Amino acid sequence: MPSQQTEGTPRVAEVERPGTAPGGGTTGAPGAGRRPTSAAEVLDRVATLAPAIAARAAEVEAARRLPPDLLDELVAAGCFRVARPDTHGGIGADLPDVLRVFEAVARADASVGWTVMIGAGSWVDLAGLPRAAFDALFPADREVITAGAFNPTGTITPAPGGYRVTGRWGFVSGCQHADWIYVNSVEGIEDGVPRLRMAVFPPDEVEIEDTWDVSGLSGTGSHHVHLDDAAVPADMTVVPLTGEPCVDTPIARIPVPSLVALAVASVATGIAQGALDDVVDLALSKVPLLSHGTLATDPLFQAELATADTELRAARALVDECARAAWATASAREPFTERDRARTRAAAAWATDRAAAVAGTAYRAGGGSSIYADSPLQRRRRDVEAVTQHFIVKRGTMRTAGGVLAGQGIDAMVF
């Protein structure tokens, strides 16, 4: 997401990861039972958790992070393992199923869905590390959650044995419970283009600033972090968006911008579906002023609901189509063309925009009831609008994608 600056002296956010074993990874939530081994099992557990997650949405928003016990339940449900390779303790689900998990959690609550998406999928930014370093970060016998920042708002300079890193990075979602935090920095300039390098740190070496006071996705704990001349070994750094992944899995062969865009869009469609669920529940009992029946009997509401439902299904179907195509290409070890990437990015941006429109329709249909602080409709709307602000699905994506489709090539640094 775009960088954020705050004024004044920030507070230091509390860092807590319940059940963390030495060197990273949870020891397991109480009563977790057998670890899920498929995306279907994860979806079943999410369905069981969903009512409790939805009931705690206001609590999550007020805390500005996931409560530790809820985090434990999500870990036990396999939410953070679903996308990771099975060689490293993950489930290794295919991309369409991974996105269904993200959407299902976001349908229950946006902040929880976003946090799961980041914690479960951000490891792909590190797939270019040396294999020994990657193995050390993601041992097969431990639960591991990552958090990081792609916006290169730091500097990294060579030093004996590695590098020194200084900077401040925003929007580090889930940083308070992450086992590893990575940041992106500028190493130098070549032909006018920044040369980037990511570095990975244990959380006790990173200072978290309490800056996450926002209008949407408030429960994601996406605070700023900073480092002052911090040392990092060379093998714990990686040049992003280049080179071959060190793990042989299809998801790591999908271009990271395309992968992230589809993940973000899946969270957006989940939020929108939750908004439709909420307004239908409301409509069954709400009797609008001067009406002779419930909102559910109003012809205008019915027409708007059908339109919104159709738009959302179309958005979801397009995201799924792109996910299936990307998975097939990656599984066949075929290259991703500029056209492939353009159509995927455009689809994700369009689906996110449609999801925001659907949530807006649900909010307006709720009438005066929607404006109360305890209404889930106003929170859904704020949350999905926050998703639309992510740079990976910004509206300018359509212009860049259109340029590719028109035969003009890619003119963006990250696409």
Protein backbone atom coordinates (compact mmCIF):
# COMPACT_ATOMS: atom_id res chain seq x y z
CA MET A 1 0.00 0.00 0.00
CA PRO A 2 1.13 3.62 -0.41
CA SER A 3 3.51 4.99 2.20
CA GLN A 4 2.07 6.96 5.08
CA GLN A 5 3.62 9.71 7.18
CA THR A 6 2.47 10.76 10.63
CA GLU A 7 3.25 13.81 12.71
CA GLY A 8 4.41 13.93 16.28
CA THR A 9 6.16 11.23 18.26
CA PRO A 10 4.63 7.81 17.59
CA ARG A 11 3.94 5.38 20.35
CA VAL A 12 5.69 2.02 20.32
CA ALA A 13 3.23 -0.74 19.49
CA GLU A 14 3.04 -3.79 21.71
CA VAL A 15 4.69 -6.81 20.10
CA GLU A 16 3.12 -10.12 21.01
CA ARG A 17 2.94 -13.51 19.38
CA PRO A 18 1.14 -16.03 21.61
CA GLY A 19 2.66 -19.49 21.83
CA THR A 20 5.85 -18.56 20.01
CA ALA A 21 8.63 -21.11 20.12
CA PRO A 22 12.30 -20.09 20.23
CA GLY A 23 13.48 -19.05 16.78
CA GLY A 24 9.97 -18.34 15.53
CA GLY A 25 6.80 -20.36 14.99
CA THR A 26 3.88 -21.18 17.24
CA THR A 27 3.80 -24.06 19.62
CA GLY A 28 0.18 -24.64 18.66
CA ALA A 29 -3.17 -23.36 19.89
CA PRO A 30 -4.90 -25.20 22.71
CA GLY A 31 -7.31 -27.78 21.34
CA ALA A 32 -6.03 -27.31 17.80
CA GLY A 33 -6.13 -31.04 17.10
CA ARG A 34 -4.91 -32.48 13.82
CA ARG A 35 -3.43 -30.05 11.34
CA PRO A 36 -5.54 -29.64 8.20
CA THR A 37 -3.94 -31.16 5.11
CA SER A 38 -6.12 -29.68 2.38
CA ALA A 39 -7.75 -26.39 1.44
CA ALA A 40 -11.15 -28.08 1.79
CA GLU A 41 -10.40 -28.83 5.43
CA VAL A 42 -9.29 -25.24 5.99
CA LEU A 43 -12.50 -23.94 4.42
CA ASP A 44 -14.55 -26.22 6.68
CA ARG A 45 -12.79 -24.86 9.74
CA VAL A 46 -13.21 -21.28 8.55
CA ALA A 47 -16.94 -21.93 8.10
CA THR A 48 -17.07 -23.10 11.72
CA LEU A 49 -15.15 -20.04 12.94
CA ALA A 50 -16.96 -17.50 10.74
CA PRO A 51 -19.89 -16.67 13.08
CA ALA A 52 -17.51 -16.02 15.98
CA ILE A 53 -15.21 -13.94 13.77
CA ALA A 54 -18.13 -11.82 12.56
CA ALA A 55 -19.39 -11.38 16.12
CA ARG A 56 -15.96 -10.03 17.15
CA ALA A 57 -15.54 -7.61 14.24
CA ALA A 58 -16.06 -4.52 16.41
CA GLU A 59 -13.60 -5.89 18.98
CA VAL A 60 -10.99 -6.48 16.28
CA GLU A 61 -11.48 -2.98 14.92
CA ALA A 62 -11.21 -1.37 18.36
CA ALA A 63 -8.07 -3.36 19.23
CA ARG A 64 -6.56 -2.50 15.82
CA ARG A 65 -5.19 -6.04 15.63
CA LEU A 66 -6.29 -9.66 15.89
CA PRO A 67 -6.92 -10.83 19.48
CA PRO A 68 -4.33 -13.48 20.45
CA ASP A 69 -6.92 -16.21 20.99
CA LEU A 70 -8.48 -15.59 17.57
CA LEU A 71 -5.04 -15.68 15.99
CA ASP A 72 -4.45 -19.06 17.65
CA GLU A 73 -7.71 -20.38 16.20
CA LEU A 74 -6.83 -19.20 12.70
CA VAL A 75 -3.40 -20.80 13.00
CA ALA A 76 -4.97 -24.07 14.15
CA ALA A 77 -7.43 -23.90 11.24
CA GLY A 78 -4.51 -23.91 8.81
CA CYS A 79 -5.26 -20.46 7.40
CA PHE A 80 -1.62 -19.36 7.46
CA ARG A 81 -0.33 -22.63 5.95
CA VAL A 82 -2.69 -22.99 3.02
CA ALA A 83 -0.46 -21.30 0.42
CA ARG A 84 2.95 -22.41 1.70
CA PRO A 85 4.71 -25.33 -0.03
CA ASP A 86 4.23 -28.74 1.58
CA THR A 87 8.02 -29.06 1.68
CA HIS A 88 7.99 -26.32 4.31
CA GLY A 89 5.08 -27.32 6.49
CA GLY A 90 2.38 -25.88 4.28
CA ILE A 91 -0.63 -27.36 2.56
CA GLY A 92 0.51 -26.35 -0.91
CA ALA A 93 -3.03 -25.72 -2.16
CA ASP A 94 -3.56 -24.52 -5.71
CA LEU A 95 -4.15 -20.81 -6.21
CA PRO A 96 -7.95 -20.89 -6.78
CA ASP A 97 -8.41 -22.74 -3.49
CA VAL A 98 -6.04 -20.39 -1.66
CA LEU A 99 -8.11 -17.44 -2.84
CA ARG A 100 -11.31 -19.13 -1.67
CA VAL A 101 -9.86 -19.33 1.83
CA PHE A 102 -8.93 -15.64 1.79
CA GLU A 103 -12.40 -14.72 0.54
CA ALA A 104 -14.16 -16.88 3.12
CA VAL A 105 -12.29 -15.29 6.02
CA ALA A 106 -12.84 -11.77 4.63
CA ARG A 107 -16.55 -12.53 4.30
CA ALA A 108 -16.62 -12.99 8.07
CA ASP A 109 -14.50 -9.89 8.73
CA ALA A 110 -12.35 -7.76 6.45
CA SER A 111 -9.50 -7.10 8.86
CA VAL A 112 -9.21 -10.77 9.74
CA GLY A 113 -9.29 -11.71 6.06
CA TRP A 114 -6.62 -9.17 5.17
CA THR A 115 -4.38 -10.29 8.01
CA VAL A 116 -4.68 -13.93 6.97
CA MET A 117 -3.97 -13.04 3.34
CA ILE A 118 -0.79 -11.17 4.26
CA GLY A 119 0.43 -13.68 6.83
CA ALA A 120 -0.27 -16.66 4.58
CA GLY A 121 0.98 -15.28 1.28
CA SER A 122 3.77 -12.80 1.91
CA TRP A 123 6.39 -15.57 2.02
CA VAL A 124 6.40 -15.47 -1.80
CA ASP A 125 8.35 -12.20 -1.61
CA LEU A 126 11.16 -14.23 -0.05
CA ALA A 127 11.12 -17.18 -2.44
CA GLY A 128 14.25 -15.86 -4.14
CA LEU A 129 16.39 -16.29 -1.03
CA PRO A 130 19.14 -18.93 -1.01
CA ARG A 131 17.51 -22.28 -0.27
CA ALA A 132 19.35 -22.76 3.04
CA ALA A 133 18.13 -19.37 4.28
CA PHE A 134 14.56 -20.09 3.14
CA ASP A 135 14.65 -23.45 4.92
CA ALA A 136 15.78 -21.74 8.11
CA LEU A 137 12.93 -19.22 7.93
CA PHE A 138 10.24 -21.80 7.16
CA PRO A 139 10.97 -25.08 8.95
CA ALA A 140 8.45 -27.79 8.15
CA ASP A 141 7.59 -28.49 11.79
CA ARG A 142 6.55 -24.96 12.78
CA GLU A 143 3.80 -22.49 12.05
CA VAL A 144 5.37 -19.36 10.58
CA ILE A 145 3.73 -16.00 9.82
CA THR A 146 5.47 -13.31 7.80
CA ALA A 147 4.87 -9.58 7.41
CA GLY A 148 6.64 -7.03 5.30
CA ALA A 149 6.73 -3.87 3.24
CA PHE A 150 7.43 -3.63 -0.47
CA ASN A 151 7.53 0.17 -0.73
CA PRO A 152 11.33 0.86 -0.76
CA THR A 153 11.49 3.63 1.82
CA GLY A 154 14.84 2.58 3.32
CA THR A 155 18.46 2.34 2.27
CA ILE A 156 20.68 -0.73 2.28
CA THR A 157 24.45 -0.59 1.98
CA PRO A 158 27.10 -3.32 1.76
CA ALA A 159 28.98 -4.17 4.97
CA PRO A 160 31.34 -6.97 6.01
CA GLY A 161 29.36 -10.23 5.86
CA GLY A 162 26.19 -8.59 4.63
CA TYR A 163 24.44 -5.24 4.68
CA ARG A 164 23.31 -2.38 6.92
CA VAL A 165 19.73 -1.20 6.69
CA THR A 166 18.18 2.12 7.72
CA GLY A 167 14.67 3.33 7.06
CA ARG A 168 11.02 3.58 7.95
CA TRP A 169 8.29 1.55 6.29
CA GLY A 170 4.52 1.78 6.50
CA PHE A 171 1.59 -0.61 6.13
CA VAL A 172 3.31 -3.65 7.66
CA SER A 173 0.12 -5.64 8.23
CA GLY A 174 0.26 -8.16 11.05
CA CYS A 175 3.68 -7.00 12.24
CA GLN A 176 2.76 -7.47 15.92
CA HIS A 177 2.41 -11.23 15.57
CA ALA A 178 4.85 -11.97 12.74
CA ASP A 179 7.72 -14.42 13.14
CA TRP A 180 9.73 -12.61 10.46
CA ILE A 181 9.53 -9.06 9.13
CA TYR A 182 11.05 -8.04 5.82
CA VAL A 183 11.58 -4.58 4.37
CA ASN A 184 12.50 -3.28 0.92
CA SER A 185 15.24 -0.71 0.41
CA VAL A 186 17.14 1.12 -2.30
CA GLU A 187 20.65 -0.21 -2.77
CA GLY A 188 21.61 2.21 -5.51
CA ILE A 189 20.55 3.74 -8.82
CA GLU A 190 21.31 2.23 -12.22
CA ASP A 191 20.39 4.12 -15.40
CA GLY A 192 18.00 6.23 -13.38
CA VAL A 193 16.17 3.19 -11.96
CA PRO A 194 16.37 2.28 -8.25
CA ARG A 195 18.12 -1.04 -7.52
CA LEU A 196 16.14 -2.74 -4.77
CA ARG A 197 17.01 -5.31 -2.11
CA MET A 198 14.80 -6.86 0.57
CA ALA A 199 16.14 -7.84 3.99
CA VAL A 200 14.59 -10.17 6.57
CA PHE A 201 14.74 -9.58 10.32
CA PRO A 202 13.44 -11.30 13.45
CA PRO A 203 10.77 -9.09 15.03
CA ASP A 204 12.83 -8.28 18.14
CA GLU A 205 15.28 -6.39 15.92
CA VAL A 206 12.58 -4.20 14.35
CA GLU A 207 10.95 -1.28 16.15
CA ILE A 208 7.21 -1.03 15.57
CA GLU A 209 5.66 2.43 15.71
CA ASP A 210 2.02 2.69 16.76
CA THR A 211 0.65 4.58 13.75
CA TRP A 212 -2.34 2.52 12.64
CA ASP A 213 -5.29 4.89 13.23
CA VAL A 214 -7.26 4.62 10.00
CA SER A 215 -10.74 4.59 8.49
CA GLY A 216 -10.76 1.04 7.12
CA LEU A 217 -9.11 -2.34 7.73
CA SER A 218 -8.50 -0.95 11.20
CA GLY A 219 -7.95 -4.36 12.80
CA THR A 220 -4.96 -5.33 10.66
CA GLY A 221 -2.26 -3.75 12.84
CA SER A 222 -0.56 -2.31 9.76
CA HIS A 223 1.84 -0.10 11.70
CA HIS A 224 5.06 1.55 10.60
CA VAL A 225 8.36 -0.11 11.43
CA HIS A 226 11.85 1.33 11.42
CA LEU A 227 15.48 0.25 11.57
CA ASP A 228 18.57 2.30 12.34
CA ASP A 229 21.76 0.96 10.78
CA ALA A 230 20.69 -2.64 11.42
CA ALA A 231 23.00 -5.46 10.34
CA VAL A 232 21.67 -8.29 8.20
CA PRO A 233 23.59 -11.28 6.74
CA ALA A 234 23.88 -11.34 2.96
CA ASP A 235 21.94 -14.61 2.71
CA MET A 236 18.97 -12.98 4.44
CA THR A 237 18.56 -10.51 1.60
CA VAL A 238 17.01 -10.89 -1.83
CA VAL A 239 16.50 -8.75 -4.92
CA PRO A 240 12.70 -8.69 -5.39
CA LEU A 241 10.87 -9.61 -8.59
CA THR A 242 13.93 -11.21 -10.19
CA GLY A 243 15.56 -14.61 -10.43
CA GLU A 244 14.27 -18.12 -9.96
CA PRO A 245 12.48 -19.19 -6.76
CA CYS A 246 14.44 -21.48 -4.49
CA VAL A 247 11.38 -23.68 -3.95
CA ASP A 248 9.89 -25.77 -6.75
CA THR A 249 6.20 -24.91 -6.46
CA PRO A 250 3.82 -23.34 -8.98
CA ILE A 251 2.68 -20.51 -6.73
CA ALA A 252 6.25 -19.21 -6.47
CA ARG A 253 6.51 -19.11 -10.27
CA ILE A 254 3.55 -16.76 -10.68
CA PRO A 255 4.66 -13.12 -11.05
CA VAL A 256 4.37 -11.60 -7.59
CA PRO A 257 2.38 -8.50 -8.68
CA SER A 258 -0.21 -10.73 -10.40
CA LEU A 259 -0.38 -13.04 -7.41
CA VAL A 260 -0.81 -10.22 -4.91
CA ALA A 261 -3.43 -8.50 -7.08
CA LEU A 262 -5.58 -11.63 -7.19
CA ALA A 263 -5.20 -12.11 -3.43
CA VAL A 264 -6.25 -8.52 -2.75
CA ALA A 265 -9.23 -8.88 -5.07
CA SER A 266 -10.33 -12.06 -3.26
CA VAL A 267 -10.40 -10.16 0.03
CA ALA A 268 -12.47 -7.43 -1.63
CA THR A 269 -15.04 -9.89 -3.00
CA GLY A 270 -15.25 -11.53 0.42
CA ILE A 271 -16.01 -8.18 2.05
CA ALA A 272 -18.67 -7.43 -0.56
CA GLN A 273 -20.29 -10.83 -0.05
CA GLY A 274 -20.40 -10.16 3.67
CA ALA A 275 -22.11 -6.83 2.99
CA LEU A 276 -24.77 -8.55 0.89
CA ASP A 277 -25.27 -11.13 3.65
CA ASP A 278 -25.71 -8.33 6.17
CA VAL A 279 -28.21 -6.30 4.16
CA VAL A 280 -30.34 -9.37 3.41
CA ASP A 281 -30.44 -10.18 7.14
CA LEU A 282 -31.45 -6.59 7.82
CA ALA A 283 -34.05 -6.55 5.04
CA LEU A 284 -35.95 -9.51 6.48
CA SER A 285 -36.89 -7.54 9.60
CA LYS A 286 -36.47 -3.84 8.78
CA VAL A 287 -39.65 -1.97 7.89
CA PRO A 288 -38.72 1.31 6.18
CA LEU A 289 -40.55 4.50 7.08
CA LEU A 290 -44.03 4.71 5.49
CA SER A 291 -43.62 1.23 4.03
CA HIS A 292 -46.31 -1.47 4.22
CA GLY A 293 -43.82 -4.29 4.48
CA THR A 294 -40.24 -5.21 5.18
CA LEU A 295 -37.36 -3.99 3.05
CA ALA A 296 -37.12 -7.49 1.60
CA THR A 297 -40.54 -7.03 -0.05
CA ASP A 298 -39.59 -3.75 -1.74
CA PRO A 299 -39.30 -4.17 -5.55
CA LEU A 300 -36.50 -1.60 -5.85
CA PHE A 301 -34.46 -3.35 -3.16
CA GLN A 302 -35.01 -6.68 -4.89
CA ALA A 303 -33.80 -5.31 -8.23
CA GLU A 304 -30.75 -3.66 -6.67
CA LEU A 305 -29.92 -6.83 -4.73
CA ALA A 306 -30.12 -8.99 -7.86
CA THR A 307 -27.91 -6.56 -9.77
CA ALA A 308 -25.34 -6.39 -6.98
CA ASP A 309 -25.33 -10.17 -6.56
CA THR A 310 -24.79 -10.65 -10.29
CA GLU A 311 -21.96 -8.11 -10.42
CA LEU A 312 -20.24 -9.77 -7.48
CA ARG A 313 -20.55 -13.24 -9.00
CA ALA A 314 -19.08 -11.90 -12.22
CA ALA A 315 -16.16 -10.36 -10.34
CA ARG A 316 -15.52 -13.56 -8.42
CA ALA A 317 -15.72 -15.66 -11.59
CA LEU A 318 -13.20 -13.44 -13.36
CA VAL A 319 -10.75 -13.64 -10.46
CA ASP A 320 -11.16 -17.42 -10.40
CA GLU A 321 -10.62 -17.65 -14.17
CA CYS A 322 -7.38 -15.67 -13.90
CA ALA A 323 -6.23 -17.74 -10.93
CA ARG A 324 -6.85 -20.98 -12.83
CA ALA A 325 -5.01 -19.67 -15.88
CA ALA A 326 -2.05 -18.49 -13.79
CA TRP A 327 -1.87 -21.82 -11.96
CA ALA A 328 -1.96 -23.75 -15.24
CA THR A 329 0.81 -21.62 -16.73
CA ALA A 330 2.98 -21.94 -13.63
CA SER A 331 2.36 -25.68 -13.32
CA ALA A 332 3.41 -26.17 -16.95
CA ARG A 333 6.53 -24.06 -16.31
CA GLU A 334 5.56 -21.80 -19.16
CA PRO A 335 6.52 -18.11 -19.22
CA PHE A 336 4.01 -15.42 -18.28
CA THR A 337 3.61 -13.02 -21.18
CA GLU A 338 3.00 -9.30 -20.85
CA ARG A 339 -0.56 -9.98 -21.99
CA ASP A 340 -1.03 -12.59 -19.25
CA ARG A 341 0.10 -10.14 -16.59
CA ALA A 342 -1.90 -7.25 -18.02
CA ARG A 343 -5.16 -9.19 -18.14
CA THR A 344 -4.65 -10.55 -14.62
CA ARG A 345 -3.87 -7.15 -13.14
CA ALA A 346 -6.80 -5.53 -14.96
CA ALA A 347 -9.16 -8.27 -13.78
CA ALA A 348 -8.08 -7.85 -10.16
CA ALA A 349 -8.45 -4.06 -10.29
CA TRP A 350 -11.87 -4.33 -11.92
CA ALA A 351 -13.08 -6.98 -9.47
CA THR A 352 -11.96 -4.87 -6.51
CA ASP A 353 -13.75 -1.84 -7.91
CA ARG A 354 -16.94 -3.88 -8.44
CA ALA A 355 -16.71 -5.27 -4.93
CA ALA A 356 -16.53 -1.74 -3.53
CA ALA A 357 -19.59 -0.77 -5.59
CA VAL A 358 -21.51 -3.79 -4.29
CA ALA A 359 -20.67 -2.94 -0.68
CA GLY A 360 -21.80 0.63 -1.37
CA THR A 361 -25.11 -0.63 -2.74
CA ALA A 362 -25.65 -2.72 0.39
CA TYR A 363 -24.81 0.26 2.61
CA ARG A 364 -27.27 2.56 0.84
CA ALA A 365 -30.00 -0.08 0.80
CA GLY A 366 -29.75 -0.31 4.58
CA GLY A 367 -30.99 3.27 4.87
CA GLY A 368 -30.56 5.14 8.13
CA SER A 369 -29.70 1.93 9.96
CA SER A 370 -26.40 1.77 8.08
CA ILE A 371 -24.90 4.90 9.61
CA TYR A 372 -24.82 3.63 13.18
CA ALA A 373 -21.45 2.60 14.55
CA ASP A 374 -22.75 -0.88 15.39
CA SER A 375 -23.92 -1.52 11.83
CA PRO A 376 -21.69 -3.97 9.97
CA LEU A 377 -22.67 -2.28 6.72
CA GLN A 378 -20.77 0.93 7.43
CA ARG A 379 -17.72 -1.06 8.50
CA ARG A 380 -17.84 -3.26 5.39
CA ARG A 381 -18.01 -0.16 3.23
CA ARG A 382 -15.05 1.51 4.98
CA ASP A 383 -13.03 -1.69 4.83
CA VAL A 384 -13.50 -2.35 1.13
CA GLU A 385 -12.76 1.28 0.27
CA ALA A 386 -9.48 0.84 2.13
CA VAL A 387 -8.70 -2.17 -0.05
CA THR A 388 -9.23 -0.08 -3.20
CA GLN A 389 -6.41 2.22 -2.04
CA HIS A 390 -3.78 -0.50 -2.41
CA PHE A 391 -1.34 0.34 -5.20
CA ILE A 392 -1.68 -3.13 -6.73
CA VAL A 393 -5.34 -2.50 -7.68
CA LYS A 394 -5.28 1.25 -8.23
CA ARG A 395 -7.27 2.54 -11.20
CA GLY A 396 -4.11 3.49 -13.06
CA THR A 397 -3.61 -0.26 -13.48
CA MET A 398 -6.22 -0.22 -16.23
CA ARG A 399 -4.26 2.32 -18.27
CA THR A 400 -1.06 0.30 -17.99
CA ALA A 401 -2.89 -2.93 -18.84
CA GLY A 402 -4.62 -1.25 -21.75
CA GLY A 403 -1.27 -0.07 -23.08
CA VAL A 404 -0.06 -3.66 -23.14
CA LEU A 405 -3.23 -4.89 -24.84
CA ALA A 406 -2.80 -2.11 -27.42
CA GLY A 407 0.69 -3.34 -28.19
CA GLN A 408 2.55 -0.56 -26.40
CA GLY A 409 4.35 -2.71 -23.82
CA ILE A 410 4.72 -2.23 -20.07
CA ASP A 411 5.87 1.20 -18.93
CA ALA A 412 5.60 0.53 -15.18
CA MET A 413 8.47 -0.49 -12.89
CA VAL A 414 6.28 -3.05 -11.09
CA PHE A 415 3.73 -4.92 -13.18
